[in-house]
Amino acid sequence: MNYWLGVIAKEHTFQEILKTDKWFCFPSNADIGDKVVLYVTARLQKQYSGIIGIYELTRKISDDTKCKGYGSFNEILHCFGLDLTKEFSPPISLDSIKANSIIKKSQPLRRNFQGTVFKLSKHEFQEFLLIASQ
């Protein structure tokens, strides 16, 4: 199983996540059953800024054209369907995320969330769950 952090920085993607039939773009090594933490940037949506939920990849969507315009360090991304497993309302704030000593050293924070999707270690993913439970 893989663990991911997806960054929602475009209005179109944010609106898609609110729909029943959710999808997001992942690298070729993503697989059904993987877990993803979704983060909405403050620049896009101030009231929804932060970690909005934990999702699971449920299906590969054959139409990868939805992923055009998204990129992950020159890797072609593929479209996967998502199911929400845990919603955070209100979202987990960036301040709460940065307060965690493990997460603040992770690649998404070091890169200031500049990217579509980041691979997380199991330990980093568990730290997001810990933050959510506080």
Protein backbone atom coordinates (compact mmCIF):
# COMPACT_ATOMS: atom_id res chain seq x y z
CA MET A 1 0.00 0.00 0.00
CA ASN A 2 1.16 3.52 -0.82
CA TYR A 3 0.36 6.77 0.97
CA TRP A 4 -0.03 10.12 -0.80
CA LEU A 5 -0.69 13.78 -0.19
CA GLY A 6 -2.66 15.44 -2.97
CA VAL A 7 -2.65 19.22 -3.36
CA ILE A 8 -5.80 20.94 -4.58
CA ALA A 9 -4.78 24.32 -5.98
CA LYS A 10 -7.24 24.70 -8.88
CA GLU A 11 -10.89 25.64 -8.55
CA HIS A 12 -11.93 22.96 -11.05
CA THR A 13 -10.28 20.21 -8.98
CA PHE A 14 -11.82 21.55 -5.77
CA GLN A 15 -15.30 21.44 -7.32
CA GLU A 16 -14.69 17.86 -8.54
CA ILE A 17 -13.77 16.73 -5.01
CA LEU A 18 -17.10 18.08 -3.73
CA LYS A 19 -19.02 15.86 -6.18
CA THR A 20 -20.17 12.30 -5.53
CA ASP A 21 -17.91 10.85 -8.23
CA LYS A 22 -14.53 12.04 -6.92
CA TRP A 23 -11.24 11.66 -8.78
CA PHE A 24 -7.62 12.80 -8.52
CA CYS A 25 -4.38 12.34 -10.46
CA PHE A 26 -1.60 10.00 -9.29
CA PRO A 27 1.71 8.63 -10.61
CA SER A 28 1.91 5.24 -12.32
CA ASN A 29 2.99 3.48 -9.11
CA ALA A 30 -0.32 4.34 -7.39
CA ASP A 31 -2.71 1.44 -6.90
CA ILE A 32 -6.25 0.67 -5.80
CA GLY A 33 -6.40 0.66 -1.99
CA ASP A 34 -3.76 3.37 -1.56
CA LYS A 35 -4.58 6.12 0.95
CA VAL A 36 -4.41 9.84 0.22
CA VAL A 37 -4.54 12.96 2.36
CA LEU A 38 -6.03 15.90 0.40
CA TYR A 39 -4.81 19.44 1.09
CA VAL A 40 -6.54 22.59 -0.19
CA THR A 41 -4.29 25.62 -0.59
CA ALA A 42 -5.18 28.88 1.20
CA ARG A 43 -4.72 30.75 -2.07
CA LEU A 44 -7.60 28.75 -3.55
CA GLN A 45 -10.11 28.53 -0.70
CA LYS A 46 -9.44 30.31 2.58
CA GLN A 47 -12.40 28.78 4.41
CA TYR A 48 -11.50 25.22 3.27
CA SER A 49 -7.74 25.63 3.51
CA GLY A 50 -5.88 22.70 5.04
CA ILE A 51 -6.33 18.94 5.13
CA ILE A 52 -9.94 18.24 4.16
CA GLY A 53 -9.94 14.46 4.46
CA ILE A 54 -8.51 11.01 4.00
CA TYR A 55 -9.48 9.15 0.84
CA GLU A 56 -8.88 5.74 -0.66
CA LEU A 57 -8.11 5.03 -4.32
CA THR A 58 -10.97 2.81 -5.49
CA ARG A 59 -10.66 2.48 -9.24
CA LYS A 60 -8.47 3.38 -12.20
CA ILE A 61 -10.30 5.69 -14.58
CA SER A 62 -9.36 4.94 -18.18
CA ASP A 63 -9.82 8.56 -19.27
CA ASP A 64 -6.51 10.18 -18.26
CA THR A 65 -7.36 13.40 -20.11
CA LYS A 66 -8.66 14.77 -16.78
CA CYS A 67 -5.02 14.80 -15.63
CA LYS A 68 -3.72 16.98 -18.48
CA GLY A 69 -2.28 20.15 -17.02
CA TYR A 70 -1.34 18.44 -13.78
CA GLY A 71 2.15 17.23 -13.16
CA SER A 72 4.41 15.69 -10.61
CA PHE A 73 8.03 16.50 -11.33
CA ASN A 74 7.79 15.56 -15.04
CA GLU A 75 5.90 12.32 -14.40
CA ILE A 76 2.70 11.61 -16.31
CA LEU A 77 -0.23 11.27 -13.93
CA HIS A 78 -3.18 8.88 -14.17
CA CYS A 79 -6.75 9.34 -13.01
CA PHE A 80 -8.12 7.34 -10.07
CA GLY A 81 -11.52 7.39 -8.42
CA LEU A 82 -11.60 8.22 -4.71
CA ASP A 83 -13.83 7.36 -1.78
CA LEU A 84 -13.86 9.54 1.32
CA THR A 85 -12.91 7.55 4.44
CA LYS A 86 -12.57 10.42 6.93
CA GLU A 87 -13.65 14.05 6.54
CA PHE A 88 -12.13 16.88 8.55
CA SER A 89 -14.55 19.70 9.23
CA PRO A 90 -13.16 22.18 9.79
CA PRO A 91 -10.05 21.24 7.80
CA ILE A 92 -6.78 20.65 9.65
CA SER A 93 -4.98 23.98 9.48
CA LEU A 94 -1.52 24.58 8.10
CA ASP A 95 -0.44 25.80 11.56
CA SER A 96 -1.46 22.43 13.07
CA ILE A 97 0.38 20.59 10.31
CA LYS A 98 3.55 22.65 10.78
CA ALA A 99 3.45 22.06 14.55
CA ASN A 100 4.09 18.34 13.99
CA SER A 101 7.85 17.67 14.07
CA ILE A 102 7.62 14.74 11.60
CA ILE A 103 5.29 16.37 9.08
CA LYS A 104 7.10 19.70 8.97
CA LYS A 105 10.17 17.84 7.61
CA SER A 106 8.18 16.02 4.92
CA GLN A 107 8.59 16.72 1.21
CA PRO A 108 5.22 18.48 0.75
CA LEU A 109 6.08 21.06 3.42
CA ARG A 110 9.69 21.43 2.30
CA ARG A 111 8.36 22.18 -1.20
CA ASN A 112 5.61 24.46 0.18
CA PHE A 113 2.95 22.19 -1.38
CA GLN A 114 4.27 23.04 -4.87
CA GLY A 115 3.18 19.94 -6.76
CA THR A 116 0.08 17.90 -7.51
CA VAL A 117 0.84 14.79 -5.48
CA PHE A 118 3.55 13.68 -3.05
CA LYS A 119 4.36 10.20 -1.80
CA LEU A 120 4.26 9.90 2.00
CA SER A 121 5.87 7.30 4.21
CA LYS A 122 3.55 5.19 6.35
CA HIS A 123 4.92 7.04 9.39
CA GLU A 124 4.13 10.46 7.85
CA PHE A 125 0.61 9.28 6.99
CA GLN A 126 0.10 8.06 10.55
CA GLU A 127 1.23 11.48 11.82
CA PHE A 128 -1.54 13.12 9.76
CA LEU A 129 -4.01 10.74 11.44
CA LEU A 130 -2.55 11.70 14.83
CA ILE A 131 -2.96 15.41 14.10
CA ALA A 132 -6.57 14.78 13.08
CA SER A 133 -7.34 12.99 16.33
CA GLN A 134 -6.16 15.88 18.51
